[in-house]
Amino acid sequence: MHYLHAAVTEAMRLYPPVPFNSAVCCADEVLPDGTEIKKGSFLSYNAYAMGRMEGIWGKDCKEFKPERWLEGAGGEFRAESPFKFPAFHGGPRMCLGKEMAYIQMKSIAACVIERFKLEVLLDKDTCPEHLLSLTLRVRGGLPVRVSRRNSATIDACGVITSVSFTVRGANAVQL
């Protein structure tokens, strides 16, 4: 499950659910580098851009590489600072539902991958256009071919009662 955790985390690094965030400074503050921030200042950061910064993630920053989150011979998951990977924010206002979100994402991903084969219907070098709003999503949806795997594996994930897909196109399959 370490690799699945790393893959989910890597997906959120490149495609954070909330790509931008902002706040108002409640009191005068001095950052570790000496930068002064006055009370009432409007602050924002771009998690989407941070996930693609070479200065933070290295030369392979634009590659989907779950291995960057694993260490040691056993491939143990290694978390980064929430200020480097801000998908769940950091500090005293860090997301209280972080662990529950990971449990849900990994459970759904494992059950969907176990039951279905998913094939993205875009060229490997094509990046889908994103629709920036409160949450990050693909404009017009992501074209995916979904097919059932061997039925012998379907009962292994009894925890998930249903998975809903919206499939568009001439060869759409209702699941």
Protein backbone atom coordinates (compact mmCIF):
# COMPACT_ATOMS: atom_id res chain seq x y z
CA MET A 1 0.00 0.00 0.00
CA HIS A 2 3.02 2.33 0.24
CA TYR A 3 3.21 2.60 -3.55
CA LEU A 4 -0.52 3.38 -3.81
CA HIS A 5 -0.13 6.06 -1.12
CA ALA A 6 2.82 7.49 -3.06
CA ALA A 7 0.87 7.43 -6.34
CA VAL A 8 -2.10 9.26 -4.82
CA THR A 9 0.23 11.82 -3.24
CA GLU A 10 2.11 12.31 -6.51
CA ALA A 11 -1.19 12.86 -8.34
CA MET A 12 -2.09 15.55 -5.80
CA ARG A 13 1.35 17.15 -6.18
CA LEU A 14 0.77 17.61 -9.91
CA TYR A 15 -2.99 18.13 -9.73
CA PRO A 16 -3.83 19.58 -6.30
CA PRO A 17 -7.57 19.52 -5.55
CA VAL A 18 -7.41 23.20 -4.53
CA PRO A 19 -4.87 24.81 -6.89
CA PHE A 20 -4.82 28.28 -5.29
CA ASN A 21 -5.33 29.50 -1.75
CA SER A 22 -5.28 32.85 -0.03
CA ALA A 23 -5.66 34.40 3.40
CA VAL A 24 -5.39 37.69 5.25
CA CYS A 25 -2.60 38.12 7.80
CA CYS A 26 -4.12 38.53 11.29
CA ALA A 27 -1.03 40.06 12.94
CA ASP A 28 2.32 41.55 11.93
CA GLU A 29 4.68 38.69 11.12
CA VAL A 30 8.32 38.18 10.13
CA LEU A 31 9.19 35.14 8.00
CA PRO A 32 12.38 33.11 8.62
CA ASP A 33 14.12 34.90 5.72
CA GLY A 34 13.38 38.31 7.31
CA THR A 35 10.44 39.25 5.10
CA GLU A 36 7.97 41.41 7.02
CA ILE A 37 4.26 40.88 6.54
CA LYS A 38 1.91 43.50 7.96
CA LYS A 39 -1.45 42.80 9.58
CA GLY A 40 -4.21 42.92 6.96
CA SER A 41 -1.91 41.89 4.09
CA PHE A 42 -3.54 39.63 1.52
CA LEU A 43 -1.42 36.50 0.95
CA SER A 44 -1.85 33.77 -1.63
CA TYR A 45 0.03 30.79 -2.96
CA ASN A 46 -0.33 28.59 -6.02
CA ALA A 47 -0.12 24.89 -5.10
CA TYR A 48 -0.43 23.96 -8.79
CA ALA A 49 2.70 25.96 -9.67
CA MET A 50 4.55 24.79 -6.54
CA GLY A 51 4.05 21.16 -7.62
CA ARG A 52 5.91 21.92 -10.86
CA MET A 53 8.79 24.03 -9.52
CA GLU A 54 12.24 22.66 -10.29
CA GLY A 55 13.64 24.47 -7.24
CA ILE A 56 11.33 22.45 -4.99
CA TRP A 57 11.02 19.06 -6.76
CA GLY A 58 14.12 18.80 -8.97
CA LYS A 59 14.66 18.48 -12.72
CA ASP A 60 11.98 15.78 -13.06
CA CYS A 61 9.35 18.03 -11.43
CA LYS A 62 6.88 17.72 -14.33
CA GLU A 63 7.02 13.90 -14.42
CA PHE A 64 4.53 11.68 -12.61
CA LYS A 65 6.95 9.75 -10.42
CA PRO A 66 5.47 8.12 -7.28
CA GLU A 67 8.94 6.78 -6.40
CA ARG A 68 9.95 10.29 -5.25
CA TRP A 69 7.82 9.62 -2.13
CA LEU A 70 9.40 6.24 -1.30
CA GLU A 71 12.64 5.50 0.53
CA GLY A 72 14.65 2.53 1.68
CA ALA A 73 14.81 -1.03 0.39
CA GLY A 74 11.21 -1.67 1.46
CA GLY A 75 9.88 1.35 -0.38
CA GLU A 76 8.41 3.01 2.70
CA PHE A 77 6.33 6.16 2.14
CA ARG A 78 8.14 9.34 3.19
CA ALA A 79 6.01 12.45 3.71
CA GLU A 80 7.31 15.89 2.79
CA SER A 81 6.82 19.11 4.71
CA PRO A 82 3.27 20.45 4.29
CA PHE A 83 4.90 23.72 3.25
CA LYS A 84 6.56 21.93 0.33
CA PHE A 85 3.48 19.82 -0.47
CA PRO A 86 0.51 22.03 0.52
CA ALA A 87 -2.39 19.87 -0.71
CA PHE A 88 -3.71 19.65 2.86
CA HIS A 89 -2.27 23.00 4.00
CA GLY A 90 0.11 23.24 6.94
CA GLY A 91 0.53 24.56 10.44
CA PRO A 92 -2.27 24.85 12.98
CA ARG A 93 -4.95 24.94 10.26
CA MET A 94 -3.85 21.77 8.50
CA CYS A 95 -6.76 19.73 7.14
CA LEU A 96 -8.25 17.60 9.92
CA GLY A 97 -9.64 15.16 7.35
CA LYS A 98 -6.28 14.41 5.69
CA GLU A 99 -6.00 10.81 6.89
CA MET A 100 -9.66 10.08 6.13
CA ALA A 101 -9.19 11.56 2.65
CA TYR A 102 -6.19 9.27 2.04
CA ILE A 103 -8.17 6.23 3.23
CA GLN A 104 -11.03 7.08 0.89
CA MET A 105 -8.79 7.84 -2.12
CA LYS A 106 -6.77 4.65 -1.68
CA SER A 107 -9.84 2.47 -1.08
CA ILE A 108 -11.63 3.75 -4.16
CA ALA A 109 -8.50 3.63 -6.34
CA ALA A 110 -7.68 0.06 -5.26
CA CYS A 111 -11.22 -1.20 -5.87
CA VAL A 112 -11.62 0.56 -9.22
CA ILE A 113 -8.22 -0.67 -10.45
CA GLU A 114 -9.02 -4.19 -9.24
CA ARG A 115 -12.38 -4.28 -11.03
CA PHE A 116 -11.73 -2.26 -14.18
CA LYS A 117 -9.08 -1.56 -16.80
CA LEU A 118 -8.80 2.17 -17.45
CA GLU A 119 -7.25 3.55 -20.62
CA VAL A 120 -6.87 7.31 -21.10
CA LEU A 121 -7.84 8.13 -24.68
CA LEU A 122 -5.32 10.92 -25.22
CA ASP A 123 -1.88 10.79 -26.80
CA LYS A 124 0.80 10.22 -24.17
CA ASP A 125 2.30 13.66 -24.82
CA THR A 126 -1.06 15.47 -24.74
CA CYS A 127 -1.84 17.38 -21.57
CA PRO A 128 -5.59 17.87 -21.07
CA GLU A 129 -6.81 21.43 -20.67
CA HIS A 130 -7.63 22.29 -17.07
CA LEU A 131 -10.57 24.30 -15.84
CA LEU A 132 -9.36 26.43 -12.96
CA SER A 133 -12.03 27.10 -10.39
CA LEU A 134 -12.28 26.50 -6.67
CA THR A 135 -11.18 22.95 -7.43
CA LEU A 136 -9.00 21.72 -10.30
CA ARG A 137 -10.67 19.63 -13.01
CA VAL A 138 -10.24 18.70 -16.66
CA ARG A 139 -12.22 20.88 -19.07
CA GLY A 140 -14.88 18.69 -20.70
CA GLY A 141 -13.85 15.63 -18.69
CA LEU A 142 -11.05 13.15 -19.28
CA PRO A 143 -11.76 10.67 -22.09
CA VAL A 144 -11.23 7.17 -20.65
CA ARG A 145 -12.06 3.69 -21.95
CA VAL A 146 -13.36 1.53 -19.10
CA SER A 147 -13.59 -2.25 -19.35
CA ARG A 148 -14.31 -4.89 -16.74
CA ARG A 149 -11.50 -7.10 -15.50
CA ASN A 150 -11.87 -10.83 -14.87
CA SER A 151 -15.08 -11.32 -12.86
CA ALA A 152 -13.26 -13.62 -10.40
CA THR A 153 -11.68 -10.53 -8.78
CA ILE A 154 -14.86 -8.49 -8.40
CA ASP A 155 -15.87 -9.63 -4.90
CA ALA A 156 -12.56 -8.82 -3.19
CA CYS A 157 -13.54 -5.20 -2.45
CA GLY A 158 -16.81 -5.64 -0.63
CA VAL A 159 -16.26 -2.33 1.19
CA ILE A 160 -17.24 -0.23 -1.83
CA THR A 161 -20.94 -0.56 -2.59
CA SER A 162 -20.98 1.48 -5.80
CA VAL A 163 -18.74 3.52 -8.06
CA SER A 164 -20.28 6.12 -10.35
CA PHE A 165 -18.72 7.19 -13.64
CA THR A 166 -19.90 9.76 -16.15
CA VAL A 167 -18.80 8.42 -19.52
CA ARG A 168 -19.26 10.43 -22.73
CA GLY A 169 -18.85 9.48 -26.36
CA ALA A 170 -20.14 7.15 -29.04
CA ASN A 171 -18.69 4.04 -27.37
CA ALA A 172 -19.85 4.96 -23.86
CA VAL A 173 -20.39 2.12 -21.42
CA GLN A 174 -22.71 2.57 -18.45
CA LEU A 175 -21.33 1.04 -15.25
